[in-house]
C-alpha cells in the first residue's frame, strides 16, 4: 500500500502548461512521484529538501536541474497523502 496522491488546482494548471509546451519528459516526473508515494529515498541528484518562506513546511526536489516539484507528505506510507503543490522552473515558482 502507498500514499494517496493528491494534486492542487495550481499543480494541475502547471502540469497542463508544461505538457502543452513539451518542455520536459513527463515520465521523469512519474518516476519521482512513485518513489515519493512509496517513501523511498530519492537519488541525491534530485536535491530533496525542506522549503522556507512562502512554502515553509513542505518539500522540493529537482526532477531536472531547472524543473522542480514542490510537494507535501502527510501521515505514513500506509495512511498518508502525497500532495503535489507546484511544478515548473525556478523562475516560474519563486
C-alpha atoms as a PDB file:
ATOM      1  CA  UNK A   1       0.000   0.000   0.000  1.00  0.00           C
ATOM      2  CA  UNK A   2       1.234   3.511  -0.717  1.00  0.00           C
ATOM      3  CA  UNK A   3       0.207   7.078  -0.067  1.00  0.00           C
ATOM      4  CA  UNK A   4      -2.885   8.614  -1.651  1.00  0.00           C
ATOM      5  CA  UNK A   5      -1.932  11.007  -4.447  1.00  0.00           C
ATOM      6  CA  UNK A   6      -3.490  14.476  -4.472  1.00  0.00           C
ATOM      7  CA  UNK A   7      -2.880  17.394  -6.827  1.00  0.00           C
ATOM      8  CA  UNK A   8      -3.637  21.028  -6.044  1.00  0.00           C
ATOM      9  CA  UNK A   9      -5.501  23.136  -8.589  1.00  0.00           C
ATOM     10  CA  UNK A  10      -2.277  25.086  -9.196  1.00  0.00           C
ATOM     11  CA  UNK A  11      -0.323  21.866  -9.817  1.00  0.00           C
ATOM     12  CA  UNK A  12      -2.918  20.800 -12.399  1.00  0.00           C
ATOM     13  CA  UNK A  13      -2.510  24.185 -14.118  1.00  0.00           C
ATOM     14  CA  UNK A  14       1.292  23.837 -14.043  1.00  0.00           C
ATOM     15  CA  UNK A  15       1.049  20.288 -15.441  1.00  0.00           C
ATOM     16  CA  UNK A  16      -1.181  21.381 -18.310  1.00  0.00           C
ATOM     17  CA  UNK A  17       1.204  24.240 -19.184  1.00  0.00           C
ATOM     18  CA  UNK A  18       4.289  22.013 -19.081  1.00  0.00           C
ATOM     19  CA  UNK A  19       2.755  19.144 -21.044  1.00  0.00           C
ATOM     20  CA  UNK A  20       1.408  21.563 -23.656  1.00  0.00           C
ATOM     21  CA  UNK A  21       4.827  23.140 -24.140  1.00  0.00           C
ATOM     22  CA  UNK A  22       6.543  19.751 -24.402  1.00  0.00           C
ATOM     23  CA  UNK A  23       9.484  21.116 -22.411  1.00  0.00           C
ATOM     24  CA  UNK A  24      10.078  18.167 -20.121  1.00  0.00           C
ATOM     25  CA  UNK A  25       9.910  14.369 -20.151  1.00  0.00           C
ATOM     26  CA  UNK A  26       6.828  13.668 -18.014  1.00  0.00           C
ATOM     27  CA  UNK A  27       7.987  10.070 -17.412  1.00  0.00           C
ATOM     28  CA  UNK A  28      10.711  11.507 -15.157  1.00  0.00           C
ATOM     29  CA  UNK A  29       8.012  13.155 -13.036  1.00  0.00           C
ATOM     30  CA  UNK A  30       6.052   9.896 -12.813  1.00  0.00           C
ATOM     31  CA  UNK A  31       9.130   8.012 -11.569  1.00  0.00           C
ATOM     32  CA  UNK A  32       9.824  10.599  -8.852  1.00  0.00           C
ATOM     33  CA  UNK A  33       6.167  10.602  -7.748  1.00  0.00           C
ATOM     34  CA  UNK A  34       6.175   6.788  -7.436  1.00  0.00           C
ATOM     35  CA  UNK A  35       9.316   6.940  -5.279  1.00  0.00           C
ATOM     36  CA  UNK A  36       7.708   9.573  -3.040  1.00  0.00           C
ATOM     37  CA  UNK A  37       4.419   7.665  -2.773  1.00  0.00           C
ATOM     38  CA  UNK A  38       6.308   4.612  -1.524  1.00  0.00           C
ATOM     39  CA  UNK A  39       8.544   6.615   0.864  1.00  0.00           C
ATOM     40  CA  UNK A  40      11.719   5.678  -0.970  1.00  0.00           C
ATOM     41  CA  UNK A  41      14.717   7.994  -0.686  1.00  0.00           C
ATOM     42  CA  UNK A  42      15.411   9.981  -3.830  1.00  0.00           C
ATOM     43  CA  UNK A  43      18.803   9.909  -5.501  1.00  0.00           C
ATOM     44  CA  UNK A  44      20.914  12.804  -4.134  1.00  0.00           C
ATOM     45  CA  UNK A  45      20.952  14.388  -7.622  1.00  0.00           C
ATOM     46  CA  UNK A  46      17.284  15.326  -7.028  1.00  0.00           C
ATOM     47  CA  UNK A  47      18.184  17.592  -4.059  1.00  0.00           C
ATOM     48  CA  UNK A  48      15.138  16.691  -1.939  1.00  0.00           C
ATOM     49  CA  UNK A  49      14.907  19.333   0.817  1.00  0.00           C
ATOM     50  CA  UNK A  50      12.595  21.340   3.079  1.00  0.00           C
ATOM     51  CA  UNK A  51      11.498  24.788   1.990  1.00  0.00           C
ATOM     52  CA  UNK A  52      11.141  28.006   3.952  1.00  0.00           C
ATOM     53  CA  UNK A  53       9.275  31.260   3.439  1.00  0.00           C
ATOM     54  CA  UNK A  54       6.045  31.023   1.453  1.00  0.00           C
ATOM     55  CA  UNK A  55       6.387  27.234   1.250  1.00  0.00           C
ATOM     56  CA  UNK A  56       7.517  26.603   4.846  1.00  0.00           C
ATOM     57  CA  UNK A  57       6.662  23.068   5.946  1.00  0.00           C
ATOM     58  CA  UNK A  58       6.711  21.456   2.503  1.00  0.00           C
ATOM     59  CA  UNK A  59       9.470  19.936   0.393  1.00  0.00           C
ATOM     60  CA  UNK A  60      11.019  20.450  -3.016  1.00  0.00           C
ATOM     61  CA  UNK A  61      13.014  18.196  -5.291  1.00  0.00           C
ATOM     62  CA  UNK A  62      14.594  18.623  -8.708  1.00  0.00           C
ATOM     63  CA  UNK A  63      13.214  16.451 -11.490  1.00  0.00           C
ATOM     64  CA  UNK A  64      15.870  18.019 -13.741  1.00  0.00           C
ATOM     65  CA  UNK A  65      18.313  20.829 -12.857  1.00  0.00           C
ATOM     66  CA  UNK A  66      15.718  23.546 -13.604  1.00  0.00           C
ATOM     67  CA  UNK A  67      12.497  21.558 -13.238  1.00  0.00           C
ATOM     68  CA  UNK A  68      11.207  21.482  -9.679  1.00  0.00           C
ATOM     69  CA  UNK A  69       8.452  19.678  -7.814  1.00  0.00           C
ATOM     70  CA  UNK A  70       7.008  21.187  -4.631  1.00  0.00           C
ATOM     71  CA  UNK A  71       5.167  18.585  -2.570  1.00  0.00           C
ATOM     72  CA  UNK A  72       3.905  17.662   0.887  1.00  0.00           C
ATOM     73  CA  UNK A  73       3.819  14.250   2.550  1.00  0.00           C
ATOM     74  CA  UNK A  74       1.467  13.770   5.492  1.00  0.00           C
ATOM     75  CA  UNK A  75       0.970  10.731   7.696  1.00  0.00           C
ATOM     76  CA  UNK A  76       2.791   7.483   6.999  1.00  0.00           C
ATOM     77  CA  UNK A  77       3.189   5.446   3.840  1.00  0.00           C
ATOM     78  CA  UNK A  78       0.065   3.348   4.615  1.00  0.00           C
ATOM     79  CA  UNK A  79      -2.425   6.064   5.572  1.00  0.00           C
ATOM     80  CA  UNK A  80      -0.913   9.353   4.430  1.00  0.00           C
ATOM     81  CA  UNK A  81      -1.167  11.588   1.411  1.00  0.00           C
ATOM     82  CA  UNK A  82       1.308  12.873  -1.143  1.00  0.00           C
ATOM     83  CA  UNK A  83       0.119  16.286  -2.296  1.00  0.00           C
ATOM     84  CA  UNK A  84       1.703  17.734  -5.431  1.00  0.00           C
ATOM     85  CA  UNK A  85       1.626  21.508  -4.944  1.00  0.00           C
ATOM     86  CA  UNK A  86       3.552  23.114  -7.838  1.00  0.00           C
ATOM     87  CA  UNK A  87       5.924  22.200 -10.658  1.00  0.00           C
ATOM     88  CA  UNK A  88       7.984  24.286 -13.046  1.00  0.00           C
ATOM     89  CA  UNK A  89      11.278  26.137 -13.352  1.00  0.00           C
ATOM     90  CA  UNK A  90      12.904  28.215 -10.599  1.00  0.00           C
ATOM     91  CA  UNK A  91      11.719  31.404 -12.328  1.00  0.00           C
ATOM     92  CA  UNK A  92       8.134  30.173 -12.540  1.00  0.00           C
ATOM     93  CA  UNK A  93       7.927  29.080  -8.907  1.00  0.00           C
ATOM     94  CA  UNK A  94       9.989  31.623  -6.974  1.00  0.00           C
END
